[in-house]
Amino acid sequence: MGKDIHDKNKQVDFLKQRLNMFLELLDAIDPEAAELEDVDRMISIIDELDSKIREFKHRDL
């Protein structure tokens, strides 16, 4: 894995990048053709983002 990010600006940039990647994925999925695996993957990405936000929040304490 990569190095821990302790700089607040780098943390925000990391989260923005991940969120933009998620939004691109969301835009690319055809709702009529989406399968359960697609939805599960999107939920997993949101869970990963939430986990990273909590990690950054606790790291700054």
C-alpha atoms as a PDB file:
ATOM      1  CA  MET A   1       0.000   0.000   0.000  1.00  0.00           C
ATOM      2  CA  GLY A   2       0.950   3.630  -0.286  1.00  0.00           C
ATOM      3  CA  LYS A   3       2.273   5.951   2.368  1.00  0.00           C
ATOM      4  CA  ASP A   4      -0.044   7.503   4.925  1.00  0.00           C
ATOM      5  CA  ILE A   5      -1.328  10.931   3.970  1.00  0.00           C
ATOM      6  CA  HIS A   6      -1.019  13.401   6.840  1.00  0.00           C
ATOM      7  CA  ASP A   7      -1.244  16.715   4.951  1.00  0.00           C
ATOM      8  CA  LYS A   8      -4.810  18.045   5.123  1.00  0.00           C
ATOM      9  CA  ASN A   9      -4.749  19.374   1.536  1.00  0.00           C
ATOM     10  CA  LYS A  10      -3.464  16.058   0.189  1.00  0.00           C
ATOM     11  CA  GLN A  11      -6.196  14.236   2.102  1.00  0.00           C
ATOM     12  CA  VAL A  12      -8.856  16.448   0.517  1.00  0.00           C
ATOM     13  CA  ASP A  13      -7.296  16.008  -2.934  1.00  0.00           C
ATOM     14  CA  PHE A  14      -7.251  12.225  -2.457  1.00  0.00           C
ATOM     15  CA  LEU A  15     -10.937  12.181  -1.473  1.00  0.00           C
ATOM     16  CA  LYS A  16     -11.887  14.468  -4.381  1.00  0.00           C
ATOM     17  CA  GLN A  17     -10.064  12.200  -6.820  1.00  0.00           C
ATOM     18  CA  ARG A  18     -11.793   9.086  -5.469  1.00  0.00           C
ATOM     19  CA  LEU A  19     -15.179  10.777  -5.508  1.00  0.00           C
ATOM     20  CA  ASN A  20     -14.664  11.932  -9.099  1.00  0.00           C
ATOM     21  CA  MET A  21     -13.743   8.376 -10.096  1.00  0.00           C
ATOM     22  CA  PHE A  22     -16.962   7.153  -8.463  1.00  0.00           C
ATOM     23  CA  LEU A  23     -19.021   9.793 -10.266  1.00  0.00           C
ATOM     24  CA  GLU A  24     -17.480   8.794 -13.596  1.00  0.00           C
ATOM     25  CA  LEU A  25     -18.377   5.173 -12.887  1.00  0.00           C
ATOM     26  CA  LEU A  26     -21.904   6.186 -11.958  1.00  0.00           C
ATOM     27  CA  ASP A  27     -22.283   8.165 -15.194  1.00  0.00           C
ATOM     28  CA  ALA A  28     -20.991   5.241 -17.258  1.00  0.00           C
ATOM     29  CA  ILE A  29     -23.440   2.677 -15.893  1.00  0.00           C
ATOM     30  CA  ASP A  30     -26.608   2.103 -17.866  1.00  0.00           C
ATOM     31  CA  PRO A  31     -29.396   1.818 -15.271  1.00  0.00           C
ATOM     32  CA  GLU A  32     -31.305  -0.589 -17.505  1.00  0.00           C
ATOM     33  CA  ALA A  33     -28.319  -2.917 -17.861  1.00  0.00           C
ATOM     34  CA  ALA A  34     -26.835  -2.608 -14.361  1.00  0.00           C
ATOM     35  CA  GLU A  35     -26.477  -5.866 -12.504  1.00  0.00           C
ATOM     36  CA  LEU A  36     -26.333  -6.642  -8.816  1.00  0.00           C
ATOM     37  CA  GLU A  37     -22.525  -6.875  -8.979  1.00  0.00           C
ATOM     38  CA  ASP A  38     -22.394  -3.287 -10.314  1.00  0.00           C
ATOM     39  CA  VAL A  39     -24.492  -2.028  -7.421  1.00  0.00           C
ATOM     40  CA  ASP A  40     -22.428  -4.037  -4.932  1.00  0.00           C
ATOM     41  CA  ARG A  41     -19.235  -2.519  -6.339  1.00  0.00           C
ATOM     42  CA  MET A  42     -20.624   1.015  -6.010  1.00  0.00           C
ATOM     43  CA  ILE A  43     -21.619   0.329  -2.406  1.00  0.00           C
ATOM     44  CA  SER A  44     -18.125  -1.022  -1.768  1.00  0.00           C
ATOM     45  CA  ILE A  45     -16.577   2.153  -3.180  1.00  0.00           C
ATOM     46  CA  ILE A  46     -18.786   4.319  -0.952  1.00  0.00           C
ATOM     47  CA  ASP A  47     -17.808   2.187   2.058  1.00  0.00           C
ATOM     48  CA  GLU A  48     -14.119   2.629   1.171  1.00  0.00           C
ATOM     49  CA  LEU A  49     -14.584   6.401   0.906  1.00  0.00           C
ATOM     50  CA  ASP A  50     -16.357   6.480   4.264  1.00  0.00           C
ATOM     51  CA  SER A  51     -13.574   4.440   5.839  1.00  0.00           C
ATOM     52  CA  LYS A  52     -10.904   6.745   4.429  1.00  0.00           C
ATOM     53  CA  ILE A  53     -12.761   9.842   5.671  1.00  0.00           C
ATOM     54  CA  ARG A  54     -12.935   8.356   9.172  1.00  0.00           C
ATOM     55  CA  GLU A  55      -9.246   7.437   8.998  1.00  0.00           C
ATOM     56  CA  PHE A  56      -8.267  10.975   7.995  1.00  0.00           C
ATOM     57  CA  LYS A  57     -10.511  12.443  10.674  1.00  0.00           C
ATOM     58  CA  HIS A  58      -8.917  10.342  13.429  1.00  0.00           C
ATOM     59  CA  ARG A  59      -5.421  10.911  12.093  1.00  0.00           C
ATOM     60  CA  ASP A  60      -5.807  14.656  12.683  1.00  0.00           C
ATOM     61  CA  LEU A  61      -6.687  14.280  16.381  1.00  0.00           C
END
